[in-house]
C-alpha cells in the first residue's frame, strides 16, 4: 500500500506549481526511494512502471533523478522524447519495474548492464526482509568494473580522494590540468560526501559531484550513486556486507505464474555476442519453462530483444486443463 501511495503522491505533486513542487521535493525526496518488501522466493519482480507529464523547463534527466532512475534507463524507455527539451505535457514513461538479478538475495547485488544496484536487508523496526534499488554509474569500457564477489571493507564520510597514477596520466594525456596528489573533501571531490570501500583494492561505491552522469558508463571502475541515494544508503549498510557484481543483460523472472523477460544493451566489450543474443535468450527461456505447460509469445520476445529497453514484459501464456494442442 505504501508503494502505491508513493506513486499516486508523485503524480499529485507534479500537478502543482513549479515553485511549490520545488519546496515539496526538498522535504519529501526520500519518498521516491525504491524500497519494497522482499518478494517470496518464487516471485522475481518488484516495482511498477507508470507515466508522468513533463513540466515546463524540465529535462528527462531531471525527471529521472526525481524518481530514482538513471540517465540511460529513462532514455531507453522514452526513445522518442527529447532528452534536453521535452515538450511540456509530454507523457514520460518511468521504468520502475525490475526483475531481480539471478544471484543470492543477500547484501548488495550490482548488475552492470542494467547499471542498477539492489540491496537486500531486514528492516530494523518491523524485522521484515526488504529490498532497495538504486541507479548507479559503472566503469567505462577501458576501466571496467570487475565482476565477482566482494565485501564492504570500510565506510568513509567526507573522504579525501587520492588519484591513482593511471588517472593522473590520463588527465595529462587529455590536456587537462594535472591532478593533485590529494583532493580534500568539498565540492571538487569526485567521491562526494560518502564512500564505501570494497575488498577489491581500488574500487568504491561512492557519491558524486556530477549527479547527472548516474546511470551511464562514465567511471574509472568505481560505482557512483546519486548524492541523496547514498546519503540514505550509507548509514544502513554494515561493514562486511557482501557485494555480488554480475553481468546479466538478459533477465528472466516469474510473477503470477507468468514468465517475464527484461533485456538491456550489452556491455561495449560484449558487443560481439550481440549476434548470438537471440540464441542465448531462447536457451535461457526454454530452460525456465521446461516441464511447464506454457506457450511462448514469440513476437514479444523478438521485440524485447530488438528494443533492449530494460522494461520487463510477459512472454508466456499458460495452458489450462483440457487444452487441445
C-alpha atoms as a PDB file:
ATOM      1  CA  UNK A   1       0.000   0.000   0.000  1.00  0.00           C
ATOM      2  CA  UNK A   2       2.810   2.420   0.827  1.00  0.00           C
ATOM      3  CA  UNK A   3       4.388   1.923  -2.594  1.00  0.00           C
ATOM      4  CA  UNK A   4       1.080   2.543  -4.390  1.00  0.00           C
ATOM      5  CA  UNK A   5       0.568   5.696  -2.332  1.00  0.00           C
ATOM      6  CA  UNK A   6       4.066   6.855  -3.247  1.00  0.00           C
ATOM      7  CA  UNK A   7       3.305   6.765  -6.961  1.00  0.00           C
ATOM      8  CA  UNK A   8      -0.099   8.402  -6.572  1.00  0.00           C
ATOM      9  CA  UNK A   9       1.514  11.108  -4.467  1.00  0.00           C
ATOM     10  CA  UNK A  10       4.189  11.643  -7.109  1.00  0.00           C
ATOM     11  CA  UNK A  11       1.564  12.326  -9.775  1.00  0.00           C
ATOM     12  CA  UNK A  12      -0.273  14.691  -7.450  1.00  0.00           C
ATOM     13  CA  UNK A  13       2.889  16.649  -6.601  1.00  0.00           C
ATOM     14  CA  UNK A  14       3.757  17.112 -10.265  1.00  0.00           C
ATOM     15  CA  UNK A  15       0.459  18.891 -10.981  1.00  0.00           C
ATOM     16  CA  UNK A  16       1.409  21.711  -8.606  1.00  0.00           C
ATOM     17  CA  UNK A  17       3.213  24.903  -9.480  1.00  0.00           C
ATOM     18  CA  UNK A  18       6.968  24.572 -10.034  1.00  0.00           C
ATOM     19  CA  UNK A  19       7.727  26.765  -7.013  1.00  0.00           C
ATOM     20  CA  UNK A  20       5.575  24.700  -4.653  1.00  0.00           C
ATOM     21  CA  UNK A  21       6.887  21.492  -6.224  1.00  0.00           C
ATOM     22  CA  UNK A  22      10.471  22.556  -5.509  1.00  0.00           C
ATOM     23  CA  UNK A  23       9.671  23.203  -1.843  1.00  0.00           C
ATOM     24  CA  UNK A  24       7.927  19.857  -1.531  1.00  0.00           C
ATOM     25  CA  UNK A  25      10.728  17.895  -3.176  1.00  0.00           C
ATOM     26  CA  UNK A  26      13.208  19.321  -0.658  1.00  0.00           C
ATOM     27  CA  UNK A  27      11.109  17.869   2.148  1.00  0.00           C
ATOM     28  CA  UNK A  28       9.798  14.616   0.637  1.00  0.00           C
ATOM     29  CA  UNK A  29      12.568  13.437  -1.712  1.00  0.00           C
ATOM     30  CA  UNK A  30      13.046  10.229   0.365  1.00  0.00           C
ATOM     31  CA  UNK A  31       9.523   9.222  -0.762  1.00  0.00           C
ATOM     32  CA  UNK A  32      10.955   8.364  -4.162  1.00  0.00           C
ATOM     33  CA  UNK A  33      13.404   5.794  -2.814  1.00  0.00           C
ATOM     34  CA  UNK A  34      12.628   2.443  -4.479  1.00  0.00           C
ATOM     35  CA  UNK A  35      12.025   0.298  -1.396  1.00  0.00           C
ATOM     36  CA  UNK A  36       9.895  -2.844  -1.476  1.00  0.00           C
ATOM     37  CA  UNK A  37       9.032  -5.818   0.721  1.00  0.00           C
ATOM     38  CA  UNK A  38      11.148  -8.806  -0.270  1.00  0.00           C
ATOM     39  CA  UNK A  39       9.045 -10.932  -2.637  1.00  0.00           C
ATOM     40  CA  UNK A  40       8.670 -14.682  -1.997  1.00  0.00           C
ATOM     41  CA  UNK A  41      11.375 -16.936  -3.427  1.00  0.00           C
ATOM     42  CA  UNK A  42       9.173 -17.851  -6.401  1.00  0.00           C
ATOM     43  CA  UNK A  43       8.497 -14.203  -7.332  1.00  0.00           C
ATOM     44  CA  UNK A  44      11.203 -12.218  -9.102  1.00  0.00           C
ATOM     45  CA  UNK A  45       9.649  -8.830  -9.929  1.00  0.00           C
ATOM     46  CA  UNK A  46       9.469  -5.661  -7.859  1.00  0.00           C
ATOM     47  CA  UNK A  47       8.177  -2.176  -8.565  1.00  0.00           C
ATOM     48  CA  UNK A  48       5.867  -0.539 -11.081  1.00  0.00           C
ATOM     49  CA  UNK A  49       6.094   1.182 -14.438  1.00  0.00           C
ATOM     50  CA  UNK A  50       3.990   4.324 -14.781  1.00  0.00           C
ATOM     51  CA  UNK A  51       3.968   7.676 -16.564  1.00  0.00           C
ATOM     52  CA  UNK A  52       4.142  11.359 -15.663  1.00  0.00           C
ATOM     53  CA  UNK A  53       3.762  14.501 -17.762  1.00  0.00           C
ATOM     54  CA  UNK A  54       6.860  16.603 -18.367  1.00  0.00           C
ATOM     55  CA  UNK A  55       6.786  20.022 -16.718  1.00  0.00           C
ATOM     56  CA  UNK A  56       7.978  23.248 -18.316  1.00  0.00           C
ATOM     57  CA  UNK A  57      11.776  23.714 -18.434  1.00  0.00           C
ATOM     58  CA  UNK A  58      12.337  20.150 -17.216  1.00  0.00           C
ATOM     59  CA  UNK A  59      14.738  17.675 -18.856  1.00  0.00           C
ATOM     60  CA  UNK A  60      14.427  13.910 -18.908  1.00  0.00           C
ATOM     61  CA  UNK A  61      17.460  13.846 -16.630  1.00  0.00           C
ATOM     62  CA  UNK A  62      15.614  15.979 -14.072  1.00  0.00           C
ATOM     63  CA  UNK A  63      12.683  13.565 -14.144  1.00  0.00           C
ATOM     64  CA  UNK A  64      14.992  10.556 -13.885  1.00  0.00           C
ATOM     65  CA  UNK A  65      16.628  11.903 -10.758  1.00  0.00           C
ATOM     66  CA  UNK A  66      13.308  12.731  -9.113  1.00  0.00           C
ATOM     67  CA  UNK A  67      12.194   9.121  -9.496  1.00  0.00           C
ATOM     68  CA  UNK A  68      15.455   7.263  -8.770  1.00  0.00           C
ATOM     69  CA  UNK A  69      16.176   6.362 -12.387  1.00  0.00           C
ATOM     70  CA  UNK A  70      19.456   6.574 -14.270  1.00  0.00           C
ATOM     71  CA  UNK A  71      20.069   8.529 -17.459  1.00  0.00           C
ATOM     72  CA  UNK A  72      20.246   5.533 -19.809  1.00  0.00           C
ATOM     73  CA  UNK A  73      17.198   3.940 -18.138  1.00  0.00           C
ATOM     74  CA  UNK A  74      14.902   6.860 -18.864  1.00  0.00           C
ATOM     75  CA  UNK A  75      16.298   7.432 -22.365  1.00  0.00           C
ATOM     76  CA  UNK A  76      15.759   3.798 -23.372  1.00  0.00           C
ATOM     77  CA  UNK A  77      12.201   3.895 -22.028  1.00  0.00           C
ATOM     78  CA  UNK A  78      11.449   7.132 -23.934  1.00  0.00           C
ATOM     79  CA  UNK A  79      13.287   6.896 -27.279  1.00  0.00           C
ATOM     80  CA  UNK A  80      11.072   9.496 -28.954  1.00  0.00           C
ATOM     81  CA  UNK A  81      11.267  12.141 -26.214  1.00  0.00           C
ATOM     82  CA  UNK A  82      13.902  14.880 -26.430  1.00  0.00           C
ATOM     83  CA  UNK A  83      16.441  14.424 -23.632  1.00  0.00           C
ATOM     84  CA  UNK A  84      17.005  18.144 -23.059  1.00  0.00           C
ATOM     85  CA  UNK A  85      13.732  19.787 -24.118  1.00  0.00           C
ATOM     86  CA  UNK A  86      10.713  17.502 -23.756  1.00  0.00           C
ATOM     87  CA  UNK A  87       7.558  19.369 -24.726  1.00  0.00           C
ATOM     88  CA  UNK A  88       5.542  20.405 -21.680  1.00  0.00           C
ATOM     89  CA  UNK A  89       2.827  17.833 -21.052  1.00  0.00           C
ATOM     90  CA  UNK A  90       4.671  15.030 -22.863  1.00  0.00           C
ATOM     91  CA  UNK A  91       3.963  11.613 -21.371  1.00  0.00           C
ATOM     92  CA  UNK A  92       7.191  10.240 -19.918  1.00  0.00           C
ATOM     93  CA  UNK A  93       7.472   6.541 -19.087  1.00  0.00           C
ATOM     94  CA  UNK A  94       9.141   5.825 -15.737  1.00  0.00           C
ATOM     95  CA  UNK A  95      10.560   2.286 -15.913  1.00  0.00           C
ATOM     96  CA  UNK A  96      10.319   1.465 -12.229  1.00  0.00           C
ATOM     97  CA  UNK A  97       9.628  -2.263 -12.533  1.00  0.00           C
ATOM     98  CA  UNK A  98      12.576  -4.651 -12.296  1.00  0.00           C
ATOM     99  CA  UNK A  99      13.374  -8.345 -12.419  1.00  0.00           C
ATOM    100  CA  UNK A 100      15.697  -9.180  -9.534  1.00  0.00           C
ATOM    101  CA  UNK A 101      19.019 -10.459 -10.921  1.00  0.00           C
ATOM    102  CA  UNK A 102      19.849 -14.148 -10.551  1.00  0.00           C
ATOM    103  CA  UNK A 103      22.101 -14.003  -7.523  1.00  0.00           C
ATOM    104  CA  UNK A 104      21.876 -14.721  -3.828  1.00  0.00           C
ATOM    105  CA  UNK A 105      19.298 -12.363  -2.323  1.00  0.00           C
ATOM    106  CA  UNK A 106      21.695 -11.127   0.292  1.00  0.00           C
ATOM    107  CA  UNK A 107      23.625  -7.903   0.748  1.00  0.00           C
ATOM    108  CA  UNK A 108      24.301  -5.939  -2.437  1.00  0.00           C
ATOM    109  CA  UNK A 109      23.757  -7.197  -5.984  1.00  0.00           C
ATOM    110  CA  UNK A 110      25.059  -4.960  -8.774  1.00  0.00           C
ATOM    111  CA  UNK A 111      24.072  -5.793 -12.371  1.00  0.00           C
ATOM    112  CA  UNK A 112      26.476  -3.952 -14.681  1.00  0.00           C
ATOM    113  CA  UNK A 113      24.475  -3.837 -17.969  1.00  0.00           C
ATOM    114  CA  UNK A 114      21.442  -2.637 -16.027  1.00  0.00           C
ATOM    115  CA  UNK A 115      23.504  -0.078 -14.105  1.00  0.00           C
ATOM    116  CA  UNK A 116      21.396  -0.757 -11.056  1.00  0.00           C
ATOM    117  CA  UNK A 117      22.155  -1.855  -7.508  1.00  0.00           C
ATOM    118  CA  UNK A 118      19.898  -3.977  -5.279  1.00  0.00           C
ATOM    119  CA  UNK A 119      20.265  -4.090  -1.507  1.00  0.00           C
ATOM    120  CA  UNK A 120      18.647  -6.926   0.455  1.00  0.00           C
ATOM    121  CA  UNK A 121      18.281  -6.312   4.171  1.00  0.00           C
ATOM    122  CA  UNK A 122      15.996  -6.663   7.190  1.00  0.00           C
ATOM    123  CA  UNK A 123      14.023  -3.640   8.353  1.00  0.00           C
ATOM    124  CA  UNK A 124      15.079  -2.797  11.920  1.00  0.00           C
ATOM    125  CA  UNK A 125      11.642  -1.659  13.078  1.00  0.00           C
ATOM    126  CA  UNK A 126       9.368  -4.316  11.591  1.00  0.00           C
ATOM    127  CA  UNK A 127      12.001  -7.068  11.233  1.00  0.00           C
ATOM    128  CA  UNK A 128      10.803  -7.771   7.696  1.00  0.00           C
ATOM    129  CA  UNK A 129      13.030  -8.607   4.719  1.00  0.00           C
ATOM    130  CA  UNK A 130      13.186  -5.689   2.287  1.00  0.00           C
ATOM    131  CA  UNK A 131      14.908  -4.750  -0.962  1.00  0.00           C
ATOM    132  CA  UNK A 132      16.055  -1.314  -2.083  1.00  0.00           C
ATOM    133  CA  UNK A 133      17.079  -0.492  -5.632  1.00  0.00           C
ATOM    134  CA  UNK A 134      19.229   2.405  -6.845  1.00  0.00           C
ATOM    135  CA  UNK A 135      20.549   3.532 -10.242  1.00  0.00           C
ATOM    136  CA  UNK A 136      24.342   3.704 -10.485  1.00  0.00           C
ATOM    137  CA  UNK A 137      27.164   4.548 -12.865  1.00  0.00           C
ATOM    138  CA  UNK A 138      29.778   1.911 -13.624  1.00  0.00           C
ATOM    139  CA  UNK A 139      33.183   1.718 -15.291  1.00  0.00           C
ATOM    140  CA  UNK A 140      33.527   2.571 -18.944  1.00  0.00           C
ATOM    141  CA  UNK A 141      34.955   0.083 -21.424  1.00  0.00           C
ATOM    142  CA  UNK A 142      38.633   0.809 -20.758  1.00  0.00           C
ATOM    143  CA  UNK A 143      38.094   0.996 -16.970  1.00  0.00           C
ATOM    144  CA  UNK A 144      35.820  -1.987 -16.314  1.00  0.00           C
ATOM    145  CA  UNK A 145      34.069  -2.531 -13.012  1.00  0.00           C
ATOM    146  CA  UNK A 146      35.218  -6.051 -12.012  1.00  0.00           C
ATOM    147  CA  UNK A 147      32.822  -8.982 -11.764  1.00  0.00           C
ATOM    148  CA  UNK A 148      32.670 -11.341  -8.804  1.00  0.00           C
ATOM    149  CA  UNK A 149      32.105 -11.206  -5.064  1.00  0.00           C
ATOM    150  CA  UNK A 150      33.467  -8.634  -2.640  1.00  0.00           C
ATOM    151  CA  UNK A 151      32.616  -7.058   0.708  1.00  0.00           C
ATOM    152  CA  UNK A 152      32.227  -3.573   2.117  1.00  0.00           C
ATOM    153  CA  UNK A 153      35.566  -3.109   3.892  1.00  0.00           C
ATOM    154  CA  UNK A 154      35.301   0.475   5.154  1.00  0.00           C
ATOM    155  CA  UNK A 155      32.875   3.402   5.280  1.00  0.00           C
ATOM    156  CA  UNK A 156      34.237   6.939   4.861  1.00  0.00           C
ATOM    157  CA  UNK A 157      32.262  10.127   5.369  1.00  0.00           C
ATOM    158  CA  UNK A 158      33.724  13.254   3.722  1.00  0.00           C
ATOM    159  CA  UNK A 159      36.577  11.239   2.194  1.00  0.00           C
ATOM    160  CA  UNK A 160      39.687  12.661   0.584  1.00  0.00           C
ATOM    161  CA  UNK A 161      40.479  11.408  -2.920  1.00  0.00           C
ATOM    162  CA  UNK A 162      43.964  10.246  -3.846  1.00  0.00           C
ATOM    163  CA  UNK A 163      44.001   9.922  -7.629  1.00  0.00           C
ATOM    164  CA  UNK A 164      45.832   6.788  -8.817  1.00  0.00           C
ATOM    165  CA  UNK A 165      48.810   7.321 -11.081  1.00  0.00           C
ATOM    166  CA  UNK A 166      46.888   5.913 -14.046  1.00  0.00           C
ATOM    167  CA  UNK A 167      44.199   8.573 -13.712  1.00  0.00           C
ATOM    168  CA  UNK A 168      46.811  11.303 -13.314  1.00  0.00           C
ATOM    169  CA  UNK A 169      48.472  10.178 -16.547  1.00  0.00           C
ATOM    170  CA  UNK A 170      45.112  10.104 -18.337  1.00  0.00           C
ATOM    171  CA  UNK A 171      44.391  13.701 -17.310  1.00  0.00           C
ATOM    172  CA  UNK A 172      47.733  14.877 -18.693  1.00  0.00           C
ATOM    173  CA  UNK A 173      47.286  12.867 -21.917  1.00  0.00           C
ATOM    174  CA  UNK A 174      43.887  14.512 -22.470  1.00  0.00           C
ATOM    175  CA  UNK A 175      45.331  18.000 -21.977  1.00  0.00           C
ATOM    176  CA  UNK A 176      43.580  18.620 -18.671  1.00  0.00           C
ATOM    177  CA  UNK A 177      45.167  20.241 -15.641  1.00  0.00           C
ATOM    178  CA  UNK A 178      47.407  17.865 -13.682  1.00  0.00           C
ATOM    179  CA  UNK A 179      45.643  16.256 -10.748  1.00  0.00           C
ATOM    180  CA  UNK A 180      46.979  16.847  -7.213  1.00  0.00           C
ATOM    181  CA  UNK A 181      48.139  14.012  -5.006  1.00  0.00           C
ATOM    182  CA  UNK A 182      45.170  14.574  -2.687  1.00  0.00           C
ATOM    183  CA  UNK A 183      41.766  16.173  -3.312  1.00  0.00           C
ATOM    184  CA  UNK A 184      40.268  17.186   0.070  1.00  0.00           C
ATOM    185  CA  UNK A 185      36.569  16.901   0.935  1.00  0.00           C
ATOM    186  CA  UNK A 186      34.460  19.540  -0.787  1.00  0.00           C
ATOM    187  CA  UNK A 187      32.586  20.347  -3.998  1.00  0.00           C
ATOM    188  CA  UNK A 188      35.565  19.477  -6.225  1.00  0.00           C
ATOM    189  CA  UNK A 189      35.944  15.992  -4.774  1.00  0.00           C
ATOM    190  CA  UNK A 190      34.514  13.397  -7.220  1.00  0.00           C
ATOM    191  CA  UNK A 191      33.814  10.981  -4.358  1.00  0.00           C
ATOM    192  CA  UNK A 192      31.217  13.325  -2.877  1.00  0.00           C
ATOM    193  CA  UNK A 193      30.426  13.057   0.829  1.00  0.00           C
ATOM    194  CA  UNK A 194      30.235   9.276   1.205  1.00  0.00           C
ATOM    195  CA  UNK A 195      32.382   6.350   0.092  1.00  0.00           C
ATOM    196  CA  UNK A 196      32.101   2.604   0.685  1.00  0.00           C
ATOM    197  CA  UNK A 197      35.437   0.907   0.078  1.00  0.00           C
ATOM    198  CA  UNK A 198      35.268  -2.608  -1.352  1.00  0.00           C
ATOM    199  CA  UNK A 199      37.556  -5.530  -0.587  1.00  0.00           C
ATOM    200  CA  UNK A 200      38.648  -5.312  -4.252  1.00  0.00           C
ATOM    201  CA  UNK A 201      41.607  -2.901  -3.959  1.00  0.00           C
ATOM    202  CA  UNK A 202      40.991   0.500  -5.506  1.00  0.00           C
ATOM    203  CA  UNK A 203      37.229   0.103  -6.027  1.00  0.00           C
ATOM    204  CA  UNK A 204      34.496   2.023  -4.202  1.00  0.00           C
ATOM    205  CA  UNK A 205      30.782   2.705  -4.167  1.00  0.00           C
ATOM    206  CA  UNK A 206      30.562   6.449  -3.674  1.00  0.00           C
ATOM    207  CA  UNK A 207      28.642   9.670  -4.146  1.00  0.00           C
ATOM    208  CA  UNK A 208      29.484  12.143  -6.907  1.00  0.00           C
ATOM    209  CA  UNK A 209      29.797  15.825  -7.727  1.00  0.00           C
ATOM    210  CA  UNK A 210      28.394  15.068 -11.216  1.00  0.00           C
ATOM    211  CA  UNK A 211      24.988  13.532 -10.453  1.00  0.00           C
ATOM    212  CA  UNK A 212      23.614  13.687 -13.989  1.00  0.00           C
ATOM    213  CA  UNK A 213      26.149  11.061 -15.046  1.00  0.00           C
ATOM    214  CA  UNK A 214      24.440   8.481 -12.831  1.00  0.00           C
ATOM    215  CA  UNK A 215      23.071   5.664 -14.949  1.00  0.00           C
ATOM    216  CA  UNK A 216      25.888   5.779 -17.522  1.00  0.00           C
ATOM    217  CA  UNK A 217      29.251   4.075 -18.095  1.00  0.00           C
ATOM    218  CA  UNK A 218      31.433   7.025 -17.175  1.00  0.00           C
ATOM    219  CA  UNK A 219      33.607   5.994 -14.221  1.00  0.00           C
ATOM    220  CA  UNK A 220      37.131   4.626 -13.839  1.00  0.00           C
ATOM    221  CA  UNK A 221      35.675   1.391 -12.484  1.00  0.00           C
ATOM    222  CA  UNK A 222      34.055   2.640  -9.294  1.00  0.00           C
ATOM    223  CA  UNK A 223      30.297   2.715  -8.721  1.00  0.00           C
ATOM    224  CA  UNK A 224      28.634   6.133  -8.421  1.00  0.00           C
ATOM    225  CA  UNK A 225      25.298   6.890  -6.790  1.00  0.00           C
ATOM    226  CA  UNK A 226      23.117   9.979  -6.617  1.00  0.00           C
ATOM    227  CA  UNK A 227      24.165  12.033  -3.557  1.00  0.00           C
ATOM    228  CA  UNK A 228      20.696  11.736  -1.995  1.00  0.00           C
ATOM    229  CA  UNK A 229      20.661   7.959  -2.564  1.00  0.00           C
ATOM    230  CA  UNK A 230      23.983   7.205  -0.918  1.00  0.00           C
ATOM    231  CA  UNK A 231      23.096   9.586   1.920  1.00  0.00           C
ATOM    232  CA  UNK A 232      20.242   7.161   2.658  1.00  0.00           C
ATOM    233  CA  UNK A 233      22.264   4.037   1.849  1.00  0.00           C
ATOM    234  CA  UNK A 234      25.453   4.862   3.765  1.00  0.00           C
ATOM    235  CA  UNK A 235      24.121   4.658   7.356  1.00  0.00           C
ATOM    236  CA  UNK A 236      22.111   1.451   6.854  1.00  0.00           C
ATOM    237  CA  UNK A 237      24.677  -0.795   5.170  1.00  0.00           C
ATOM    238  CA  UNK A 238      27.060  -2.524   7.582  1.00  0.00           C
ATOM    239  CA  UNK A 239      30.757  -3.084   7.046  1.00  0.00           C
ATOM    240  CA  UNK A 240      31.429  -6.648   5.801  1.00  0.00           C
ATOM    241  CA  UNK A 241      28.221  -6.698   3.741  1.00  0.00           C
ATOM    242  CA  UNK A 242      28.597  -8.996   0.728  1.00  0.00           C
ATOM    243  CA  UNK A 243      28.641  -7.384  -2.729  1.00  0.00           C
ATOM    244  CA  UNK A 244      27.892  -9.511  -5.811  1.00  0.00           C
ATOM    245  CA  UNK A 245      28.775  -7.906  -9.166  1.00  0.00           C
ATOM    246  CA  UNK A 246      27.148  -9.652 -12.138  1.00  0.00           C
ATOM    247  CA  UNK A 247      26.793  -9.204 -15.896  1.00  0.00           C
ATOM    248  CA  UNK A 248      23.187 -10.110 -16.802  1.00  0.00           C
ATOM    249  CA  UNK A 249      21.888  -8.233 -19.867  1.00  0.00           C
ATOM    250  CA  UNK A 250      19.065 -10.787 -20.180  1.00  0.00           C
ATOM    251  CA  UNK A 251      16.968 -11.348 -17.073  1.00  0.00           C
ATOM    252  CA  UNK A 252      14.068 -13.764 -16.622  1.00  0.00           C
ATOM    253  CA  UNK A 253      11.661 -13.790 -13.716  1.00  0.00           C
ATOM    254  CA  UNK A 254       8.344 -15.187 -12.559  1.00  0.00           C
ATOM    255  CA  UNK A 255       5.246 -13.458 -11.234  1.00  0.00           C
ATOM    256  CA  UNK A 256       1.683 -14.739 -11.081  1.00  0.00           C
ATOM    257  CA  UNK A 257       2.661 -17.934 -12.905  1.00  0.00           C
ATOM    258  CA  UNK A 258       3.924 -15.852 -15.841  1.00  0.00           C
ATOM    259  CA  UNK A 259       7.485 -15.635 -17.146  1.00  0.00           C
ATOM    260  CA  UNK A 260       8.823 -12.130 -17.781  1.00  0.00           C
ATOM    261  CA  UNK A 261      11.778 -11.094 -19.937  1.00  0.00           C
ATOM    262  CA  UNK A 262      13.911  -7.976 -19.382  1.00  0.00           C
ATOM    263  CA  UNK A 263      16.678  -7.101 -21.866  1.00  0.00           C
ATOM    264  CA  UNK A 264      19.401  -4.474 -21.502  1.00  0.00           C
ATOM    265  CA  UNK A 265      22.035  -3.337 -24.006  1.00  0.00           C
ATOM    266  CA  UNK A 266      25.162  -5.451 -23.849  1.00  0.00           C
ATOM    267  CA  UNK A 267      28.298  -4.003 -22.329  1.00  0.00           C
ATOM    268  CA  UNK A 268      30.513  -2.443 -25.008  1.00  0.00           C
ATOM    269  CA  UNK A 269      33.138  -5.146 -24.629  1.00  0.00           C
ATOM    270  CA  UNK A 270      30.450  -7.836 -25.146  1.00  0.00           C
ATOM    271  CA  UNK A 271      29.027  -6.430 -28.400  1.00  0.00           C
ATOM    272  CA  UNK A 272      30.436  -9.345 -30.409  1.00  0.00           C
ATOM    273  CA  UNK A 273      27.897 -11.537 -28.629  1.00  0.00           C
ATOM    274  CA  UNK A 274      25.007  -9.414 -29.930  1.00  0.00           C
ATOM    275  CA  UNK A 275      24.519 -11.716 -32.925  1.00  0.00           C
ATOM    276  CA  UNK A 276      24.082 -14.624 -30.513  1.00  0.00           C
ATOM    277  CA  UNK A 277      21.633 -12.764 -28.263  1.00  0.00           C
ATOM    278  CA  UNK A 278      18.577 -14.490 -29.700  1.00  0.00           C
ATOM    279  CA  UNK A 279      20.074 -17.954 -29.147  1.00  0.00           C
ATOM    280  CA  UNK A 280      21.218 -17.003 -25.649  1.00  0.00           C
ATOM    281  CA  UNK A 281      17.735 -15.745 -24.776  1.00  0.00           C
ATOM    282  CA  UNK A 282      15.925 -18.816 -26.085  1.00  0.00           C
ATOM    283  CA  UNK A 283      18.283 -21.191 -24.300  1.00  0.00           C
ATOM    284  CA  UNK A 284      17.530 -19.389 -21.042  1.00  0.00           C
ATOM    285  CA  UNK A 285      13.785 -19.244 -21.731  1.00  0.00           C
ATOM    286  CA  UNK A 286      13.460 -22.919 -22.702  1.00  0.00           C
ATOM    287  CA  UNK A 287      15.330 -23.917 -19.544  1.00  0.00           C
ATOM    288  CA  UNK A 288      12.912 -21.834 -17.456  1.00  0.00           C
ATOM    289  CA  UNK A 289       9.741 -23.343 -18.949  1.00  0.00           C
ATOM    290  CA  UNK A 290      10.978 -26.934 -19.065  1.00  0.00           C
ATOM    291  CA  UNK A 291       8.246 -29.294 -17.805  1.00  0.00           C
ATOM    292  CA  UNK A 292       5.746 -26.417 -17.732  1.00  0.00           C
ATOM    293  CA  UNK A 293       2.634 -26.122 -19.908  1.00  0.00           C
ATOM    294  CA  UNK A 294       3.409 -22.746 -21.423  1.00  0.00           C
ATOM    295  CA  UNK A 295       3.048 -21.099 -24.805  1.00  0.00           C
ATOM    296  CA  UNK A 296       5.726 -18.554 -25.720  1.00  0.00           C
ATOM    297  CA  UNK A 297       4.808 -15.128 -27.073  1.00  0.00           C
ATOM    298  CA  UNK A 298       7.448 -15.122 -29.814  1.00  0.00           C
ATOM    299  CA  UNK A 299       6.526 -11.654 -31.114  1.00  0.00           C
ATOM    300  CA  UNK A 300       7.035 -10.065 -27.674  1.00  0.00           C
ATOM    301  CA  UNK A 301      10.329 -11.900 -27.181  1.00  0.00           C
ATOM    302  CA  UNK A 302      11.637 -10.669 -30.529  1.00  0.00           C
ATOM    303  CA  UNK A 303      10.555  -7.086 -29.807  1.00  0.00           C
ATOM    304  CA  UNK A 304      12.192  -7.102 -26.367  1.00  0.00           C
ATOM    305  CA  UNK A 305      15.466  -8.367 -27.856  1.00  0.00           C
ATOM    306  CA  UNK A 306      15.379  -5.685 -30.555  1.00  0.00           C
ATOM    307  CA  UNK A 307      14.468  -2.748 -28.307  1.00  0.00           C
ATOM    308  CA  UNK A 308      16.593  -3.678 -25.263  1.00  0.00           C
ATOM    309  CA  UNK A 309      14.775  -1.018 -23.262  1.00  0.00           C
ATOM    310  CA  UNK A 310      15.215  -2.654 -19.848  1.00  0.00           C
ATOM    311  CA  UNK A 311      11.487  -2.999 -19.125  1.00  0.00           C
ATOM    312  CA  UNK A 312      10.081  -6.430 -18.150  1.00  0.00           C
ATOM    313  CA  UNK A 313       7.466  -7.904 -20.487  1.00  0.00           C
ATOM    314  CA  UNK A 314       5.353 -11.083 -20.048  1.00  0.00           C
ATOM    315  CA  UNK A 315       6.333 -13.757 -22.563  1.00  0.00           C
ATOM    316  CA  UNK A 316       4.273 -16.844 -21.626  1.00  0.00           C
ATOM    317  CA  UNK A 317       0.648 -17.904 -21.666  1.00  0.00           C
ATOM    318  CA  UNK A 318      -0.104 -20.935 -19.551  1.00  0.00           C
ATOM    319  CA  UNK A 319      -2.403 -23.629 -20.825  1.00  0.00           C
ATOM    320  CA  UNK A 320      -5.428 -24.567 -18.781  1.00  0.00           C
ATOM    321  CA  UNK A 321      -6.597 -28.109 -18.174  1.00  0.00           C
ATOM    322  CA  UNK A 322      -8.225 -29.678 -21.174  1.00  0.00           C
ATOM    323  CA  UNK A 323      -6.438 -27.508 -23.763  1.00  0.00           C
ATOM    324  CA  UNK A 324      -6.112 -29.421 -27.024  1.00  0.00           C
ATOM    325  CA  UNK A 325      -2.825 -28.927 -28.890  1.00  0.00           C
END
